[in-house]
C-alpha cells in the first residue's frame, strides 16, 4: 500500500517535470506557462468615474472616448457643453483654453482690485493654476505688485473687448457659466463667446458672432 508521503512525493515530481522542457544537448529549462504564477492586476479605481462621465456626456464606451473623458473639461459643466459642440478635437481644446483663460483673468483682476475671491455656487472652487516644482515649471514671476495689477487689468479689459464681438445674451451666458459657474443658460451663446475669446488670444482678427431675432 502506497503511503501518503510517497503519493505526495510523486505528485511533486510530476509537477516539476511538467514545468521543464528539453533543450538541445539534453539540457532542461523551466517552462513558462501563461497565467501560472502571474500576479492578478489591481482594478483601476478610475474606471467607475470614467464610465459615469461617458454616460453624462452621452458617449459610447470606446478607448478614444475614455481618453477624452479623462480630460479636465469632462468634469466641468462648461467643458461638457464644449464636448457637445460638434467641432474637431482641436476646436474643443481651443474652446476649453478660452474658458480657463477667462477664469484666470477674472481671478487675477479680482485680486488686483482687492475684491474677495469668488467661489462657484456648485461646490468646490475650480483651481486656476497648477502647482508645479519641476524643471519645466514657469519661471518665478519677478514683477512688482503694481506691474502685476496693471497686467491683470489690461488682460481683463482685453477679454471684455473680445466678448463685445458676440451678442449680449451670449456674453452674459458665458460669464454666468464660466465665471460664476451658475449653470448653462445658453450653450450655443457660450460657444460663440468662447470662440471670440479664442480669436483674441490667438491674435487673429475677431469675427463678429452676434445673433439677432431672425438668425438665433
N, C-alpha and C. Protein backbone atom coordinates (compact mmCIF):
# COMPACT_ATOMS: atom_id res chain seq x y z
N UNK A 1 0.85 -1.20 0.00
CA UNK A 1 0.00 0.00 0.00
C UNK A 1 0.88 1.24 0.00
N UNK A 2 0.62 2.15 -0.93
CA UNK A 2 1.44 3.35 -1.06
C UNK A 2 1.06 4.35 0.03
N UNK A 3 2.10 4.85 0.72
CA UNK A 3 1.84 5.81 1.80
C UNK A 3 1.51 7.18 1.23
N UNK A 4 0.93 8.01 2.09
CA UNK A 4 0.60 9.38 1.68
C UNK A 4 1.85 10.15 1.31
N UNK A 5 2.94 9.92 2.05
CA UNK A 5 4.19 10.63 1.77
C UNK A 5 4.70 10.30 0.38
N UNK A 6 4.58 9.02 0.00
CA UNK A 6 5.04 8.61 -1.33
C UNK A 6 4.20 9.24 -2.42
N UNK A 7 2.86 9.29 -2.19
CA UNK A 7 1.96 9.91 -3.16
C UNK A 7 2.29 11.39 -3.35
N UNK A 8 2.54 12.08 -2.25
CA UNK A 8 2.85 13.49 -2.33
C UNK A 8 4.16 13.72 -3.05
N UNK A 9 5.13 12.84 -2.82
CA UNK A 9 6.43 12.96 -3.49
C UNK A 9 6.28 12.76 -4.99
N UNK A 10 5.45 11.79 -5.39
CA UNK A 10 5.23 11.54 -6.81
C UNK A 10 4.55 12.73 -7.48
N UNK A 11 3.56 13.33 -6.80
CA UNK A 11 2.86 14.48 -7.36
C UNK A 11 3.80 15.67 -7.53
N UNK A 12 4.66 15.89 -6.55
CA UNK A 12 5.61 16.98 -6.63
C UNK A 12 6.57 16.79 -7.80
N UNK A 13 7.03 15.50 -7.97
CA UNK A 13 7.94 15.20 -9.09
C UNK A 13 7.24 15.40 -10.43
N UNK A 14 5.97 15.00 -10.50
CA UNK A 14 5.20 15.15 -11.73
C UNK A 14 5.03 16.63 -12.10
N UNK A 15 4.70 17.44 -11.09
CA UNK A 15 4.54 18.87 -11.35
C UNK A 15 5.85 19.50 -11.78
N UNK A 16 6.95 19.09 -11.17
CA UNK A 16 8.26 19.64 -11.53
C UNK A 16 8.62 19.27 -12.96
N UNK A 17 8.32 18.03 -13.36
CA UNK A 17 8.64 17.60 -14.73
C UNK A 17 7.79 18.33 -15.76
N UNK A 18 6.55 18.64 -15.40
CA UNK A 18 5.67 19.38 -16.32
C UNK A 18 6.22 20.76 -16.62
N UNK A 19 6.94 21.36 -15.66
CA UNK A 19 7.46 22.71 -15.82
C UNK A 19 8.86 22.72 -16.44
N UNK A 20 9.30 21.57 -16.96
CA UNK A 20 10.61 21.51 -17.60
C UNK A 20 10.44 21.20 -19.08
N UNK A 21 11.32 21.80 -19.89
CA UNK A 21 11.36 21.48 -21.30
C UNK A 21 12.78 21.09 -21.67
N UNK A 22 12.93 20.17 -22.60
CA UNK A 22 14.25 19.71 -23.02
C UNK A 22 14.80 20.62 -24.10
N UNK A 23 16.10 20.99 -23.95
CA UNK A 23 16.79 21.81 -24.91
C UNK A 23 17.79 20.96 -25.68
N UNK A 24 18.39 21.56 -26.71
CA UNK A 24 19.42 20.84 -27.46
C UNK A 24 20.58 20.48 -26.54
N UNK A 25 21.13 19.28 -26.69
CA UNK A 25 22.23 18.84 -25.84
C UNK A 25 21.77 18.16 -24.58
N UNK A 26 20.46 17.93 -24.47
CA UNK A 26 19.95 17.22 -23.30
C UNK A 26 19.70 18.08 -22.09
N UNK A 27 19.94 19.40 -22.18
CA UNK A 27 19.70 20.27 -21.05
C UNK A 27 18.20 20.54 -20.89
N UNK A 28 17.84 20.95 -19.71
CA UNK A 28 16.43 21.26 -19.44
C UNK A 28 16.31 22.69 -18.93
N UNK A 29 15.13 23.26 -19.14
CA UNK A 29 14.85 24.61 -18.64
C UNK A 29 13.42 24.66 -18.15
N UNK A 30 13.16 25.60 -17.28
CA UNK A 30 11.82 25.72 -16.72
C UNK A 30 10.90 26.33 -17.77
N UNK A 31 9.75 25.71 -17.98
CA UNK A 31 8.79 26.21 -18.96
C UNK A 31 8.00 27.37 -18.38
N UNK A 32 7.67 28.29 -19.25
CA UNK A 32 6.83 29.42 -18.85
C UNK A 32 5.41 29.14 -19.31
N UNK A 33 4.52 28.95 -18.37
CA UNK A 33 3.13 28.63 -18.68
C UNK A 33 2.30 29.89 -18.45
N UNK A 34 1.64 30.40 -19.49
CA UNK A 34 0.83 31.62 -19.34
C UNK A 34 -0.17 31.48 -18.21
N UNK A 35 -0.20 32.50 -17.36
CA UNK A 35 -1.17 32.52 -16.27
C UNK A 35 -0.68 31.87 -14.99
N UNK A 36 0.37 31.03 -15.08
CA UNK A 36 0.89 30.35 -13.89
C UNK A 36 1.86 31.29 -13.19
N UNK A 37 1.61 31.57 -11.95
CA UNK A 37 2.48 32.43 -11.18
C UNK A 37 2.29 33.91 -11.44
N UNK A 38 1.42 34.29 -12.36
CA UNK A 38 1.20 35.71 -12.67
C UNK A 38 0.41 36.37 -11.55
N UNK A 39 0.78 37.59 -11.23
CA UNK A 39 0.08 38.35 -10.21
C UNK A 39 -1.18 38.99 -10.80
N UNK A 40 -2.30 38.86 -10.15
CA UNK A 40 -3.53 39.49 -10.68
C UNK A 40 -3.40 41.00 -10.71
N UNK A 41 -3.93 41.61 -11.75
CA UNK A 41 -3.86 43.05 -11.89
C UNK A 41 -4.81 43.73 -10.90
N UNK A 42 -4.33 44.84 -10.35
CA UNK A 42 -5.19 45.62 -9.46
C UNK A 42 -6.28 46.31 -10.29
N UNK A 43 -7.50 46.31 -9.83
CA UNK A 43 -8.56 47.00 -10.57
C UNK A 43 -8.29 48.49 -10.65
N UNK A 44 -8.59 49.09 -11.78
CA UNK A 44 -8.38 50.53 -12.00
C UNK A 44 -9.49 51.29 -11.28
N UNK A 45 -9.09 52.03 -10.25
CA UNK A 45 -10.08 52.75 -9.44
C UNK A 45 -10.77 53.86 -10.21
N UNK A 46 -10.18 54.29 -11.34
CA UNK A 46 -10.76 55.40 -12.09
C UNK A 46 -11.88 54.95 -13.03
N UNK A 47 -12.01 53.64 -13.23
CA UNK A 47 -12.99 53.14 -14.21
C UNK A 47 -14.42 53.60 -13.90
N UNK A 48 -14.90 53.49 -12.65
CA UNK A 48 -16.28 53.94 -12.38
C UNK A 48 -16.51 55.41 -12.74
N UNK A 49 -15.53 56.27 -12.45
CA UNK A 49 -15.68 57.69 -12.79
C UNK A 49 -15.69 57.90 -14.29
N UNK A 50 -14.86 57.14 -15.01
CA UNK A 50 -14.81 57.25 -16.46
C UNK A 50 -16.14 56.83 -17.07
N UNK A 51 -16.69 55.71 -16.58
CA UNK A 51 -17.98 55.22 -17.08
C UNK A 51 -19.07 56.25 -16.82
N UNK A 52 -19.03 56.87 -15.64
CA UNK A 52 -20.04 57.88 -15.30
C UNK A 52 -19.94 59.08 -16.23
N UNK A 53 -18.71 59.52 -16.53
CA UNK A 53 -18.54 60.66 -17.43
C UNK A 53 -18.98 60.33 -18.84
N UNK A 54 -18.73 59.11 -19.28
CA UNK A 54 -19.22 58.70 -20.60
C UNK A 54 -20.73 58.80 -20.65
N UNK A 55 -21.38 58.32 -19.60
CA UNK A 55 -22.84 58.34 -19.55
C UNK A 55 -23.36 59.77 -19.48
N UNK A 56 -22.71 60.64 -18.68
CA UNK A 56 -23.14 62.04 -18.55
C UNK A 56 -23.02 62.79 -19.88
N UNK A 57 -22.02 62.42 -20.67
CA UNK A 57 -21.78 63.11 -21.93
C UNK A 57 -22.39 62.40 -23.13
N UNK A 58 -23.12 61.30 -22.87
CA UNK A 58 -23.78 60.58 -23.95
C UNK A 58 -22.83 59.97 -24.96
N UNK A 59 -21.66 59.51 -24.49
CA UNK A 59 -20.66 58.95 -25.39
C UNK A 59 -20.61 57.43 -25.27
N UNK A 60 -20.44 56.72 -26.39
CA UNK A 60 -20.28 55.26 -26.32
C UNK A 60 -18.96 54.89 -25.65
N UNK A 61 -18.91 53.72 -25.06
CA UNK A 61 -17.72 53.28 -24.33
C UNK A 61 -16.67 52.75 -25.31
N UNK A 62 -15.79 53.61 -25.78
CA UNK A 62 -14.68 53.23 -26.65
C UNK A 62 -13.38 53.75 -26.03
N UNK A 63 -12.26 53.21 -26.48
CA UNK A 63 -10.96 53.65 -25.96
C UNK A 63 -10.75 55.14 -26.20
N UNK A 64 -11.14 55.60 -27.40
CA UNK A 64 -10.97 57.02 -27.74
C UNK A 64 -11.80 57.91 -26.82
N UNK A 65 -13.06 57.49 -26.57
CA UNK A 65 -13.92 58.30 -25.71
C UNK A 65 -13.48 58.25 -24.25
N UNK A 66 -12.92 57.11 -23.84
CA UNK A 66 -12.39 57.03 -22.47
C UNK A 66 -11.24 58.01 -22.29
N UNK A 67 -10.38 58.12 -23.32
CA UNK A 67 -9.27 59.08 -23.25
C UNK A 67 -9.81 60.51 -23.21
N UNK A 68 -10.90 60.75 -23.94
CA UNK A 68 -11.48 62.09 -23.97
C UNK A 68 -12.02 62.50 -22.61
N UNK A 69 -12.76 61.60 -21.96
CA UNK A 69 -13.41 61.98 -20.70
C UNK A 69 -12.43 62.01 -19.52
N UNK A 70 -11.19 61.58 -19.74
CA UNK A 70 -10.19 61.73 -18.69
C UNK A 70 -9.68 63.17 -18.61
N UNK A 71 -9.96 63.97 -19.62
CA UNK A 71 -9.51 65.35 -19.64
C UNK A 71 -10.30 66.17 -18.62
N UNK A 72 -9.68 67.26 -18.18
CA UNK A 72 -10.30 68.11 -17.15
C UNK A 72 -11.65 68.65 -17.59
N UNK A 73 -11.80 68.96 -18.88
CA UNK A 73 -13.05 69.55 -19.32
C UNK A 73 -14.25 68.62 -19.12
N UNK A 74 -14.00 67.33 -19.11
CA UNK A 74 -15.12 66.38 -18.98
C UNK A 74 -15.75 66.42 -17.60
N UNK A 75 -15.05 66.95 -16.61
CA UNK A 75 -15.62 67.04 -15.27
C UNK A 75 -16.18 68.40 -14.94
N UNK A 76 -16.26 69.28 -15.92
CA UNK A 76 -16.72 70.65 -15.71
C UNK A 76 -17.94 70.90 -16.58
N UNK A 77 -19.00 71.54 -16.06
CA UNK A 77 -20.19 71.77 -16.88
C UNK A 77 -19.90 72.52 -18.17
N UNK A 78 -19.03 73.54 -18.11
CA UNK A 78 -18.69 74.27 -19.33
C UNK A 78 -17.94 73.34 -20.28
N UNK A 79 -17.03 72.54 -19.75
CA UNK A 79 -16.32 71.58 -20.58
C UNK A 79 -17.24 70.57 -21.23
N UNK A 80 -18.25 70.15 -20.48
CA UNK A 80 -19.21 69.19 -21.04
C UNK A 80 -20.02 69.82 -22.17
N UNK A 81 -20.34 71.12 -22.01
CA UNK A 81 -21.03 71.82 -23.10
C UNK A 81 -20.13 71.91 -24.33
N UNK A 82 -18.85 72.15 -24.10
CA UNK A 82 -17.89 72.20 -25.21
C UNK A 82 -17.80 70.84 -25.89
N UNK A 83 -17.81 69.77 -25.11
CA UNK A 83 -17.72 68.42 -25.69
C UNK A 83 -18.96 68.09 -26.52
N UNK A 84 -20.08 68.72 -26.20
CA UNK A 84 -21.28 68.51 -27.01
C UNK A 84 -21.25 69.32 -28.30
N UNK A 85 -20.32 70.25 -28.38
CA UNK A 85 -20.16 71.06 -29.58
C UNK A 85 -19.64 70.18 -30.71
N UNK A 86 -20.23 70.30 -31.89
CA UNK A 86 -19.87 69.42 -33.00
C UNK A 86 -18.68 69.98 -33.77
N UNK A 87 -17.57 70.16 -33.07
CA UNK A 87 -16.35 70.63 -33.70
C UNK A 87 -15.28 69.55 -33.66
N UNK A 88 -14.10 69.88 -34.14
CA UNK A 88 -12.99 68.94 -34.13
C UNK A 88 -12.38 68.88 -32.73
N UNK A 89 -11.59 67.84 -32.41
CA UNK A 89 -10.93 67.79 -31.10
C UNK A 89 -10.10 69.04 -30.83
N UNK A 90 -9.43 69.58 -31.85
CA UNK A 90 -8.63 70.79 -31.64
C UNK A 90 -9.51 71.98 -31.32
N UNK A 91 -10.67 72.09 -31.98
CA UNK A 91 -11.60 73.18 -31.67
C UNK A 91 -12.07 73.09 -30.23
N UNK A 92 -12.36 71.88 -29.78
CA UNK A 92 -12.82 71.71 -28.39
C UNK A 92 -11.71 72.10 -27.41
N UNK A 93 -10.47 71.72 -27.72
CA UNK A 93 -9.35 72.10 -26.85
C UNK A 93 -9.17 73.62 -26.82
N UNK A 94 -9.33 74.26 -27.98
CA UNK A 94 -9.20 75.72 -28.04
C UNK A 94 -10.30 76.41 -27.22
N UNK A 95 -11.51 75.89 -27.29
CA UNK A 95 -12.61 76.47 -26.52
C UNK A 95 -12.38 76.30 -25.03
N UNK A 96 -11.88 75.15 -24.64
CA UNK A 96 -11.58 74.92 -23.22
C UNK A 96 -10.45 75.85 -22.77
N UNK A 97 -9.49 76.07 -23.65
CA UNK A 97 -8.42 77.02 -23.33
C UNK A 97 -8.96 78.42 -23.12
N UNK A 98 -9.96 78.80 -23.92
CA UNK A 98 -10.59 80.11 -23.76
C UNK A 98 -11.28 80.21 -22.40
N UNK A 99 -11.99 79.14 -22.02
CA UNK A 99 -12.70 79.15 -20.73
C UNK A 99 -11.73 79.25 -19.56
N UNK A 100 -10.65 78.47 -19.59
CA UNK A 100 -9.69 78.53 -18.48
C UNK A 100 -8.97 79.87 -18.46
N UNK A 101 -8.74 80.46 -19.62
CA UNK A 101 -8.11 81.79 -19.67
C UNK A 101 -9.01 82.83 -19.02
N UNK A 102 -10.30 82.80 -19.33
CA UNK A 102 -11.23 83.74 -18.71
C UNK A 102 -11.22 83.60 -17.20
N UNK A 103 -11.21 82.38 -16.71
CA UNK A 103 -11.21 82.18 -15.26
C UNK A 103 -9.94 82.73 -14.62
N UNK A 104 -8.80 82.50 -15.26
CA UNK A 104 -7.55 83.03 -14.71
C UNK A 104 -7.56 84.56 -14.71
N UNK A 105 -8.02 85.15 -15.82
CA UNK A 105 -8.03 86.60 -15.94
C UNK A 105 -8.95 87.22 -14.90
N UNK A 106 -10.14 86.67 -14.73
CA UNK A 106 -11.09 87.22 -13.75
C UNK A 106 -10.55 87.07 -12.33
N UNK A 107 -9.90 85.95 -12.04
CA UNK A 107 -9.33 85.75 -10.70
C UNK A 107 -8.22 86.76 -10.43
N UNK A 108 -7.36 86.99 -11.43
CA UNK A 108 -6.27 87.95 -11.26
C UNK A 108 -6.81 89.36 -11.12
N UNK A 109 -7.87 89.67 -11.86
CA UNK A 109 -8.45 91.01 -11.80
C UNK A 109 -9.08 91.26 -10.43
N UNK A 110 -9.79 90.29 -9.91
CA UNK A 110 -10.41 90.44 -8.60
C UNK A 110 -9.35 90.64 -7.52
N UNK A 111 -8.23 89.90 -7.66
CA UNK A 111 -7.15 90.08 -6.70
C UNK A 111 -6.53 91.47 -6.83
N UNK A 112 -6.42 91.97 -8.08
CA UNK A 112 -5.79 93.27 -8.31
C UNK A 112 -6.61 94.41 -7.71
N UNK A 113 -7.93 94.28 -7.73
CA UNK A 113 -8.78 95.37 -7.21
C UNK A 113 -9.18 95.14 -5.75
N UNK A 114 -8.65 94.06 -5.17
CA UNK A 114 -8.93 93.79 -3.76
C UNK A 114 -10.29 93.20 -3.49
N UNK A 115 -10.94 92.65 -4.50
CA UNK A 115 -12.26 92.03 -4.32
C UNK A 115 -12.09 90.65 -3.71
N UNK A 116 -13.06 90.19 -2.91
CA UNK A 116 -12.97 88.84 -2.35
C UNK A 116 -12.99 87.80 -3.45
N UNK A 117 -12.31 86.70 -3.20
CA UNK A 117 -12.24 85.64 -4.19
C UNK A 117 -13.62 85.02 -4.40
N UNK A 118 -14.00 84.89 -5.66
CA UNK A 118 -15.30 84.31 -5.98
C UNK A 118 -15.25 82.80 -5.86
N UNK A 119 -16.33 82.21 -5.37
CA UNK A 119 -16.44 80.76 -5.28
C UNK A 119 -17.63 80.31 -6.12
N UNK A 120 -17.46 79.25 -6.88
CA UNK A 120 -18.58 78.75 -7.68
C UNK A 120 -19.70 78.28 -6.79
N UNK A 121 -20.93 78.46 -7.24
CA UNK A 121 -22.09 78.04 -6.46
C UNK A 121 -22.25 76.54 -6.44
N UNK A 122 -21.59 75.85 -7.36
CA UNK A 122 -21.76 74.41 -7.45
C UNK A 122 -20.99 73.61 -6.43
N UNK A 123 -20.02 74.22 -5.71
CA UNK A 123 -19.27 73.44 -4.72
C UNK A 123 -17.81 73.82 -4.70
N UNK A 124 -16.95 72.90 -5.11
CA UNK A 124 -15.51 73.08 -4.99
C UNK A 124 -15.01 74.13 -5.96
N UNK A 125 -14.24 75.11 -5.48
CA UNK A 125 -13.69 76.12 -6.39
C UNK A 125 -12.81 75.49 -7.43
N UNK A 126 -12.86 76.02 -8.65
CA UNK A 126 -12.04 75.50 -9.73
C UNK A 126 -10.64 76.07 -9.63
N UNK A 127 -9.59 75.22 -9.54
CA UNK A 127 -8.23 75.77 -9.47
C UNK A 127 -7.89 76.48 -10.77
N UNK A 128 -7.17 77.59 -10.65
CA UNK A 128 -6.83 78.35 -11.85
C UNK A 128 -5.39 78.15 -12.27
N UNK A 129 -4.55 77.60 -11.40
CA UNK A 129 -3.16 77.35 -11.76
C UNK A 129 -2.69 76.08 -11.07
N UNK A 130 -1.94 75.28 -11.81
CA UNK A 130 -1.38 74.06 -11.24
C UNK A 130 -0.12 74.42 -10.45
N UNK A 131 0.08 73.78 -9.30
CA UNK A 131 1.28 73.98 -8.52
C UNK A 131 2.35 73.06 -9.07
N UNK A 132 3.45 73.62 -9.57
CA UNK A 132 4.49 72.82 -10.18
C UNK A 132 5.84 73.15 -9.55
N UNK A 133 6.65 72.13 -9.36
CA UNK A 133 8.00 72.31 -8.85
C UNK A 133 8.94 71.44 -9.65
N UNK A 134 8.95 71.60 -10.95
CA UNK A 134 9.79 70.80 -11.83
C UNK A 134 10.65 71.72 -12.68
N UNK A 135 11.59 71.10 -13.40
CA UNK A 135 12.49 71.88 -14.25
C UNK A 135 11.73 72.57 -15.36
N UNK A 136 10.55 72.02 -15.73
CA UNK A 136 9.76 72.60 -16.81
C UNK A 136 8.76 73.64 -16.32
N UNK A 137 8.73 73.89 -15.01
CA UNK A 137 7.77 74.84 -14.46
C UNK A 137 8.12 76.25 -14.90
N UNK A 138 7.11 77.14 -15.03
CA UNK A 138 7.38 78.52 -15.43
C UNK A 138 8.31 79.22 -14.44
N UNK A 139 9.08 80.16 -14.95
CA UNK A 139 9.98 80.91 -14.08
C UNK A 139 9.18 81.73 -13.06
N UNK A 140 9.79 81.96 -11.92
CA UNK A 140 9.13 82.73 -10.86
C UNK A 140 8.82 84.14 -11.36
N UNK A 141 7.63 84.61 -11.08
CA UNK A 141 7.20 85.93 -11.52
C UNK A 141 7.89 87.00 -10.67
N UNK A 142 8.79 87.74 -11.28
CA UNK A 142 9.57 88.75 -10.56
C UNK A 142 8.98 90.16 -10.69
N UNK A 143 7.79 90.26 -11.28
CA UNK A 143 7.17 91.58 -11.43
C UNK A 143 6.74 92.13 -10.07
N UNK A 144 6.72 93.45 -9.98
CA UNK A 144 6.23 94.08 -8.75
C UNK A 144 4.72 93.91 -8.68
N UNK A 145 4.16 94.15 -7.49
CA UNK A 145 2.71 94.06 -7.33
C UNK A 145 1.99 95.05 -8.24
N UNK A 146 2.59 96.23 -8.40
CA UNK A 146 1.98 97.25 -9.28
C UNK A 146 1.96 96.77 -10.72
N UNK A 147 3.06 96.14 -11.17
CA UNK A 147 3.12 95.64 -12.54
C UNK A 147 2.12 94.51 -12.74
N UNK A 148 1.98 93.64 -11.75
CA UNK A 148 1.02 92.54 -11.84
C UNK A 148 -0.41 93.08 -11.91
N UNK A 149 -0.68 94.11 -11.12
CA UNK A 149 -2.02 94.69 -11.13
C UNK A 149 -2.35 95.31 -12.47
N UNK A 150 -1.38 96.05 -13.04
CA UNK A 150 -1.61 96.66 -14.34
C UNK A 150 -1.86 95.60 -15.42
N UNK A 151 -1.07 94.52 -15.36
CA UNK A 151 -1.23 93.44 -16.34
C UNK A 151 -2.59 92.77 -16.18
N UNK A 152 -3.03 92.58 -14.92
CA UNK A 152 -4.31 91.94 -14.67
C UNK A 152 -5.46 92.78 -15.22
N UNK A 153 -5.39 94.10 -15.00
CA UNK A 153 -6.43 94.99 -15.50
C UNK A 153 -6.43 95.02 -17.02
N UNK A 154 -5.23 95.04 -17.63
CA UNK A 154 -5.13 95.06 -19.09
C UNK A 154 -5.72 93.79 -19.69
N UNK A 155 -5.41 92.64 -19.09
CA UNK A 155 -5.94 91.37 -19.59
C UNK A 155 -7.46 91.33 -19.45
N UNK A 156 -7.96 91.86 -18.34
CA UNK A 156 -9.41 91.91 -18.10
C UNK A 156 -10.11 92.77 -19.15
N UNK A 157 -9.54 93.94 -19.44
CA UNK A 157 -10.14 94.82 -20.42
C UNK A 157 -10.07 94.22 -21.83
N UNK A 158 -8.98 93.50 -22.12
CA UNK A 158 -8.86 92.84 -23.42
C UNK A 158 -9.95 91.80 -23.59
N UNK A 159 -10.19 91.01 -22.55
CA UNK A 159 -11.24 89.98 -22.63
C UNK A 159 -12.61 90.61 -22.80
N UNK A 160 -12.85 91.71 -22.10
CA UNK A 160 -14.12 92.41 -22.24
C UNK A 160 -14.31 92.87 -23.69
N UNK A 161 -13.23 93.34 -24.29
CA UNK A 161 -13.32 93.77 -25.69
C UNK A 161 -13.60 92.61 -26.63
N UNK A 162 -12.95 91.48 -26.38
CA UNK A 162 -13.20 90.31 -27.24
C UNK A 162 -14.65 89.85 -27.15
N UNK A 163 -15.20 89.91 -25.93
CA UNK A 163 -16.58 89.47 -25.73
C UNK A 163 -17.60 90.42 -26.38
N UNK A 164 -17.15 91.61 -26.77
CA UNK A 164 -18.05 92.54 -27.47
C UNK A 164 -18.38 92.07 -28.88
N UNK A 165 -17.69 91.04 -29.35
CA UNK A 165 -17.93 90.56 -30.71
C UNK A 165 -19.02 89.48 -30.77
N UNK A 166 -19.71 89.26 -29.66
CA UNK A 166 -20.89 88.39 -29.68
C UNK A 166 -22.07 89.16 -29.11
N UNK A 167 -23.26 88.62 -29.23
CA UNK A 167 -24.44 89.36 -28.76
C UNK A 167 -24.50 89.37 -27.24
N UNK A 168 -25.34 90.23 -26.71
CA UNK A 168 -25.41 90.41 -25.26
C UNK A 168 -25.81 89.14 -24.53
N UNK A 169 -26.73 88.39 -25.12
CA UNK A 169 -27.18 87.15 -24.48
C UNK A 169 -26.03 86.15 -24.40
N UNK A 170 -25.27 86.03 -25.47
CA UNK A 170 -24.14 85.09 -25.48
C UNK A 170 -23.09 85.52 -24.48
N UNK A 171 -22.80 86.80 -24.43
CA UNK A 171 -21.81 87.34 -23.50
C UNK A 171 -22.22 87.04 -22.05
N UNK A 172 -23.49 87.36 -21.74
CA UNK A 172 -23.98 87.15 -20.38
C UNK A 172 -23.96 85.66 -20.01
N UNK A 173 -24.36 84.81 -20.94
CA UNK A 173 -24.39 83.37 -20.68
C UNK A 173 -22.99 82.84 -20.43
N UNK A 174 -22.01 83.36 -21.17
CA UNK A 174 -20.63 82.93 -21.00
C UNK A 174 -20.13 83.28 -19.60
N UNK A 175 -20.40 84.50 -19.16
CA UNK A 175 -19.93 84.93 -17.84
C UNK A 175 -20.64 84.16 -16.72
N UNK A 176 -21.92 83.90 -16.90
CA UNK A 176 -22.66 83.12 -15.90
C UNK A 176 -22.08 81.71 -15.78
N UNK A 177 -21.81 81.09 -16.93
CA UNK A 177 -21.34 79.70 -16.93
C UNK A 177 -19.88 79.57 -16.55
N UNK A 178 -19.03 80.42 -17.14
CA UNK A 178 -17.58 80.27 -16.96
C UNK A 178 -17.08 80.92 -15.67
N UNK A 179 -17.52 82.13 -15.40
CA UNK A 179 -17.01 82.86 -14.24
C UNK A 179 -17.81 82.55 -12.98
N UNK A 180 -19.15 82.66 -13.07
CA UNK A 180 -19.99 82.42 -11.89
C UNK A 180 -20.21 80.92 -11.64
N UNK A 181 -20.03 80.11 -12.68
CA UNK A 181 -20.29 78.66 -12.60
C UNK A 181 -21.69 78.40 -12.04
N UNK A 182 -22.64 79.11 -12.64
CA UNK A 182 -24.02 79.06 -12.15
C UNK A 182 -24.99 78.52 -13.19
N UNK A 183 -24.55 77.56 -13.98
CA UNK A 183 -25.44 76.94 -14.95
C UNK A 183 -25.02 77.22 -16.38
N UNK A 184 -25.83 76.69 -17.30
CA UNK A 184 -25.57 76.85 -18.74
C UNK A 184 -26.83 77.43 -19.39
N UNK A 185 -27.05 78.73 -19.24
CA UNK A 185 -28.30 79.32 -19.73
C UNK A 185 -28.45 79.33 -21.24
N UNK A 186 -27.33 79.30 -21.97
CA UNK A 186 -27.40 79.41 -23.43
C UNK A 186 -26.13 78.76 -23.99
N UNK A 187 -26.16 77.43 -24.21
CA UNK A 187 -24.95 76.73 -24.61
C UNK A 187 -24.40 77.24 -25.93
N UNK A 188 -25.26 77.49 -26.89
CA UNK A 188 -24.78 78.00 -28.18
C UNK A 188 -24.12 79.35 -28.01
N UNK A 189 -24.71 80.21 -27.19
CA UNK A 189 -24.12 81.51 -26.94
C UNK A 189 -22.77 81.41 -26.25
N UNK A 190 -22.65 80.47 -25.32
CA UNK A 190 -21.37 80.27 -24.61
C UNK A 190 -20.28 79.89 -25.61
N UNK A 191 -20.60 78.99 -26.52
CA UNK A 191 -19.62 78.57 -27.53
C UNK A 191 -19.21 79.75 -28.40
N UNK A 192 -20.18 80.56 -28.84
CA UNK A 192 -19.87 81.73 -29.67
C UNK A 192 -18.94 82.69 -28.93
N UNK A 193 -19.25 82.95 -27.65
CA UNK A 193 -18.42 83.87 -26.87
C UNK A 193 -17.00 83.32 -26.70
N UNK A 194 -16.88 82.03 -26.44
CA UNK A 194 -15.55 81.43 -26.27
C UNK A 194 -14.76 81.44 -27.58
N UNK A 195 -15.46 81.33 -28.69
CA UNK A 195 -14.78 81.43 -29.99
C UNK A 195 -14.20 82.83 -30.19
N UNK A 196 -14.93 83.85 -29.76
CA UNK A 196 -14.41 85.22 -29.84
C UNK A 196 -13.17 85.38 -28.97
N UNK A 197 -13.22 84.83 -27.77
CA UNK A 197 -12.06 84.90 -26.88
C UNK A 197 -10.87 84.16 -27.50
N UNK A 198 -11.14 83.02 -28.12
CA UNK A 198 -10.08 82.26 -28.77
C UNK A 198 -9.41 83.05 -29.88
N UNK A 199 -10.20 83.79 -30.67
CA UNK A 199 -9.62 84.65 -31.71
C UNK A 199 -8.69 85.69 -31.09
N UNK A 200 -9.16 86.32 -30.01
CA UNK A 200 -8.35 87.34 -29.36
C UNK A 200 -7.07 86.78 -28.78
N UNK A 201 -7.16 85.62 -28.15
CA UNK A 201 -5.96 85.00 -27.57
C UNK A 201 -4.93 84.67 -28.64
N UNK A 202 -5.41 84.24 -29.81
CA UNK A 202 -4.51 83.84 -30.89
C UNK A 202 -4.00 85.01 -31.71
N UNK A 203 -4.52 86.21 -31.44
CA UNK A 203 -4.10 87.38 -32.20
C UNK A 203 -4.73 87.45 -33.58
N UNK A 204 -5.81 86.69 -33.78
CA UNK A 204 -6.49 86.73 -35.07
C UNK A 204 -7.50 87.88 -35.10
N UNK A 205 -7.90 88.24 -36.31
CA UNK A 205 -8.98 89.20 -36.45
C UNK A 205 -10.26 88.56 -35.94
N UNK A 206 -10.91 89.21 -34.99
CA UNK A 206 -12.08 88.60 -34.35
C UNK A 206 -13.29 88.73 -35.26
N UNK A 207 -13.97 87.62 -35.45
CA UNK A 207 -15.15 87.57 -36.30
C UNK A 207 -16.37 87.95 -35.48
N UNK A 208 -17.24 88.77 -36.04
CA UNK A 208 -18.50 89.13 -35.36
C UNK A 208 -19.40 87.90 -35.30
N UNK A 209 -19.81 87.53 -34.12
CA UNK A 209 -20.64 86.34 -33.93
C UNK A 209 -21.96 86.69 -33.25
N UNK A 210 -22.39 87.91 -33.38
CA UNK A 210 -23.65 88.31 -32.79
C UNK A 210 -24.83 87.66 -33.48
N UNK A 211 -25.86 87.34 -32.72
CA UNK A 211 -27.10 86.77 -33.26
C UNK A 211 -28.19 87.81 -33.17
N UNK A 212 -29.20 87.64 -33.98
CA UNK A 212 -30.37 88.52 -33.88
C UNK A 212 -31.62 87.66 -33.82
N UNK A 213 -32.76 88.29 -33.78
CA UNK A 213 -34.02 87.57 -33.60
C UNK A 213 -34.32 86.62 -34.74
N UNK A 214 -33.78 86.90 -35.93
CA UNK A 214 -34.09 86.04 -37.07
C UNK A 214 -33.12 84.88 -37.25
N UNK A 215 -31.83 85.14 -36.90
CA UNK A 215 -30.81 84.09 -37.10
C UNK A 215 -30.65 83.22 -35.87
N UNK A 216 -31.01 83.70 -34.69
CA UNK A 216 -30.80 82.94 -33.46
C UNK A 216 -29.36 82.88 -33.12
